[in-house]
Protein backbone atom coordinates (compact mmCIF):
# COMPACT_ATOMS: atom_id res chain seq x y z
CA MET A 1 101.43 87.39 104.81
CA THR A 2 101.91 84.77 102.38
CA THR A 3 104.16 81.87 102.76
CA TYR A 4 105.19 80.84 99.28
CA SER A 5 107.88 77.90 98.92
CA CYS A 6 109.19 76.18 95.67
CA PHE A 7 110.26 72.58 97.25
CA PRO A 8 108.05 71.83 100.69
CA MET A 9 110.77 71.96 103.15
CA LEU A 10 111.79 75.03 101.97
CA ALA A 11 109.16 78.31 103.33
CA VAL A 12 109.98 81.60 102.19
CA LYS A 13 107.93 84.49 103.29
CA LEU A 14 107.34 87.01 100.40
CA PRO A 15 104.38 89.42 101.58
CA PHE A 16 104.77 91.59 98.57
CA LEU A 17 104.73 88.97 96.15
CA SER A 18 101.25 88.16 96.71
CA ALA A 19 99.95 91.93 96.85
CA LEU A 20 101.65 92.71 93.45
CA LYS A 21 100.13 88.90 91.89
CA SER A 22 96.95 90.76 93.14
CA VAL A 23 97.31 93.68 91.62
CA ALA A 24 98.20 92.28 88.39
CA ALA A 25 95.51 89.98 88.20
CA LEU A 26 92.90 92.46 88.89
CA THR A 27 94.53 95.26 86.40
CA GLY A 28 95.02 92.55 83.38
CA ALA A 29 98.36 92.64 83.71
CA ALA A 30 100.09 89.02 83.04
CA ALA A 31 101.97 87.25 86.16
CA SER A 32 105.77 87.68 86.72
CA PRO A 33 107.78 85.42 84.95
CA ALA A 34 109.18 84.66 88.13
CA ALA A 35 106.52 83.73 89.66
CA SER A 36 104.43 82.15 86.69
CA SER A 37 108.00 80.05 86.37
CA LEU A 38 107.71 78.74 89.93
CA SER A 39 105.49 76.73 91.55
CA LEU A 40 104.36 78.38 94.12
CA ILE A 41 102.17 77.45 97.10
CA ALA A 42 100.18 79.91 98.92
CA ALA A 43 98.70 79.93 101.89
CA ASP A 44 96.86 83.39 102.78
CA ALA A 45 96.90 85.26 106.36
CA PRO A 46 93.73 86.94 107.39
CA ALA A 47 92.93 90.30 106.01
CA ALA A 48 93.96 93.60 108.06
CA ALA A 49 91.04 95.81 109.66
CA PRO A 50 90.96 99.13 108.92
CA THR A 51 91.55 101.55 111.85
CA VAL A 52 89.65 104.93 112.63
CA ALA A 53 90.32 107.11 109.57
CA ASP A 54 92.48 110.08 110.32
CA PRO A 55 91.80 113.40 108.70
CA VAL A 56 95.37 114.31 107.78
CA ALA A 57 95.10 111.18 106.47
CA GLU A 58 92.09 111.52 104.25
CA ARG A 59 93.53 115.25 103.48
CA VAL A 60 96.70 113.36 102.17
CA VAL A 61 95.10 110.77 99.85
CA ALA A 62 92.10 112.88 98.36
CA GLN A 63 95.50 115.61 97.40
CA ILE A 64 97.27 112.40 95.83
CA ARG A 65 94.42 111.60 94.18
CA ALA A 66 93.67 114.93 92.73
CA GLU A 67 97.24 114.98 91.34
CA LEU A 68 97.34 111.33 89.79
CA PRO A 69 93.52 110.25 89.00
CA ASP A 70 94.95 107.33 87.15
CA LEU A 71 96.18 105.64 90.25
CA ILE A 72 95.66 102.29 91.12
CA VAL A 73 95.46 102.47 94.96
CA VAL A 74 96.95 104.95 97.27
CA ALA A 75 96.46 104.77 101.43
CA VAL A 76 98.22 106.08 104.41
CA VAL A 77 99.48 103.70 106.90
CA ASP A 78 100.64 103.27 110.43
CA THR A 79 104.01 100.63 110.33
CA ALA A 80 103.46 98.97 113.62
CA SER A 81 99.73 97.62 113.39
CA GLY A 82 99.60 97.98 109.48
CA HIS A 83 96.46 98.95 109.73
CA ASP A 84 95.48 101.91 106.61
CA LEU A 85 94.74 105.47 108.10
CA ALA A 86 93.38 106.50 104.89
CA SER A 87 93.04 105.05 101.57
CA PHE A 88 91.53 105.11 98.42
CA THR A 89 91.28 102.53 95.18
CA SER A 90 89.98 103.05 91.50
CA ILE A 91 89.76 99.12 91.56
CA PRO A 92 87.37 97.78 93.88
CA SER A 93 88.15 94.42 93.78
CA PHE A 94 91.29 95.65 95.17
CA ASN A 95 91.46 95.90 98.72
CA PRO A 96 93.21 99.04 100.12
CA HIS A 97 93.25 97.05 103.96
CA ASP A 98 95.30 94.30 102.76
CA ALA A 99 97.49 96.05 100.71
CA ALA A 100 98.48 98.17 103.47
CA ALA A 101 98.89 95.33 105.87
CA VAL A 102 101.59 93.57 103.15
CA ASN A 103 103.14 96.68 102.83
CA ALA A 104 103.97 97.15 106.62
CA GLU A 105 105.44 94.04 106.51
CA VAL A 106 107.60 95.00 103.68
CA VAL A 107 108.71 98.13 105.64
CA ARG A 108 109.26 96.04 108.83
CA HIS A 109 111.59 93.68 106.79
CA LYS A 110 113.83 96.27 104.97
CA ALA A 111 114.18 98.23 108.83
CA ARG A 112 115.71 94.66 110.16
CA ALA A 113 117.87 94.27 107.34
CA LEU A 114 119.14 97.16 107.28
CA HIS A 115 120.00 96.46 111.01
CA VAL A 116 121.51 93.63 109.82
CA PHE A 117 124.01 94.96 107.48
CA HIS A 118 124.78 97.26 110.47
CA LEU A 119 123.31 100.10 108.33
CA ASP A 120 121.50 101.96 111.61
CA ASP A 121 122.53 105.37 110.66
CA GLU A 122 120.54 105.25 107.10
CA GLN A 123 116.91 105.50 107.37
CA ILE A 124 114.25 104.37 104.58
CA GLU A 125 113.17 107.15 102.63
CA ASP A 126 110.91 105.36 99.62
CA ILE A 127 110.62 101.86 98.80
CA ILE A 128 109.86 101.53 94.62
CA ILE A 129 109.38 97.97 92.96
CA SER A 130 108.44 98.10 89.39
CA THR A 131 107.21 95.30 87.49
CA THR A 132 105.68 94.99 83.62
CA SER A 133 102.84 96.93 83.98
CA HIS A 134 102.90 98.97 87.81
CA HIS A 135 104.65 101.34 89.85
CA HIS A 136 104.45 100.41 93.37
CA LEU A 137 105.81 102.90 95.69
CA ILE A 138 106.44 103.24 99.50
CA LYS A 139 107.17 106.57 100.97
CA THR A 140 107.98 106.70 104.36
CA VAL A 141 107.42 109.28 107.30
CA ASN A 142 108.32 110.29 110.91
CA ASN A 143 111.16 107.79 111.12
CA LEU A 144 108.67 104.66 110.28
CA GLN A 145 105.94 105.63 112.31
CA LYS A 146 103.55 105.79 108.35
CA PHE A 147 104.38 105.50 105.25
CA ILE A 148 101.68 106.10 102.33
CA TYR A 149 101.55 103.18 100.00
CA LEU A 150 100.90 104.11 95.72
CA ALA A 151 100.46 102.27 92.71
CA VAL A 152 100.20 103.85 89.51
CA PHE A 153 99.69 101.93 85.95
CA ALA A 154 103.75 102.29 84.73
CA HIS A 155 102.49 103.57 80.93
CA SER A 156 100.12 106.31 82.36
CA THR A 157 102.39 107.91 84.89
CA GLY A 158 105.85 108.16 85.12
CA LEU A 159 108.09 107.34 88.23
CA GLY A 160 109.81 110.23 88.91
CA PHE A 161 106.29 112.33 89.07
CA ALA A 162 105.06 109.80 91.17
CA ARG A 163 107.64 110.09 93.19
CA GLU A 164 107.82 113.50 93.31
CA VAL A 165 104.07 113.78 94.12
CA LEU A 166 104.30 110.93 97.30
CA ARG A 167 107.49 113.19 98.68
CA ARG A 168 105.16 116.77 98.34
CA ASN A 169 102.47 115.28 100.35
CA ALA A 170 104.46 113.44 102.70
CA LEU A 171 105.43 116.56 104.34
CA ASP A 172 101.79 117.33 105.33
CA LEU A 173 102.07 113.65 107.73
CA VAL A 174 105.06 114.98 109.12
CA ALA A 175 104.26 115.59 112.92
């Protein structure tokens, strides 16, 4: 996880921000106005290790690749460990294992937020982060046991289409 602080005394952990900045840097997109306007200090945590591949997860990744050939990254992830069960990236320098770990933290934090807000009867279906150049989607499966992470270029893939591809393919992961 990356810790960012605008003031040395206040450290805020925003794991997803470093992943978004990494994708932006790798794909040539400009940094977000919020990130570039603040002087953020980062201390990166060690990268997550991949787990043993899962044949069902591998099939889901292959199907999503076939339906979205211009994607940036796709990964099926175990939420508890943050390890990817299968992944693919079209950008060799983009590490899908790190993306899996970072996005597992996002899912866990959002689940905790629902509990804090006394929304325990609600379930996270998906999480969407849209940036200037990308759509980052997380589709949860099996009551948050797993999720599919997908990043696509906003100019070439519609958000609705990407969500539908994830929705259909997530059904294959349901236990």
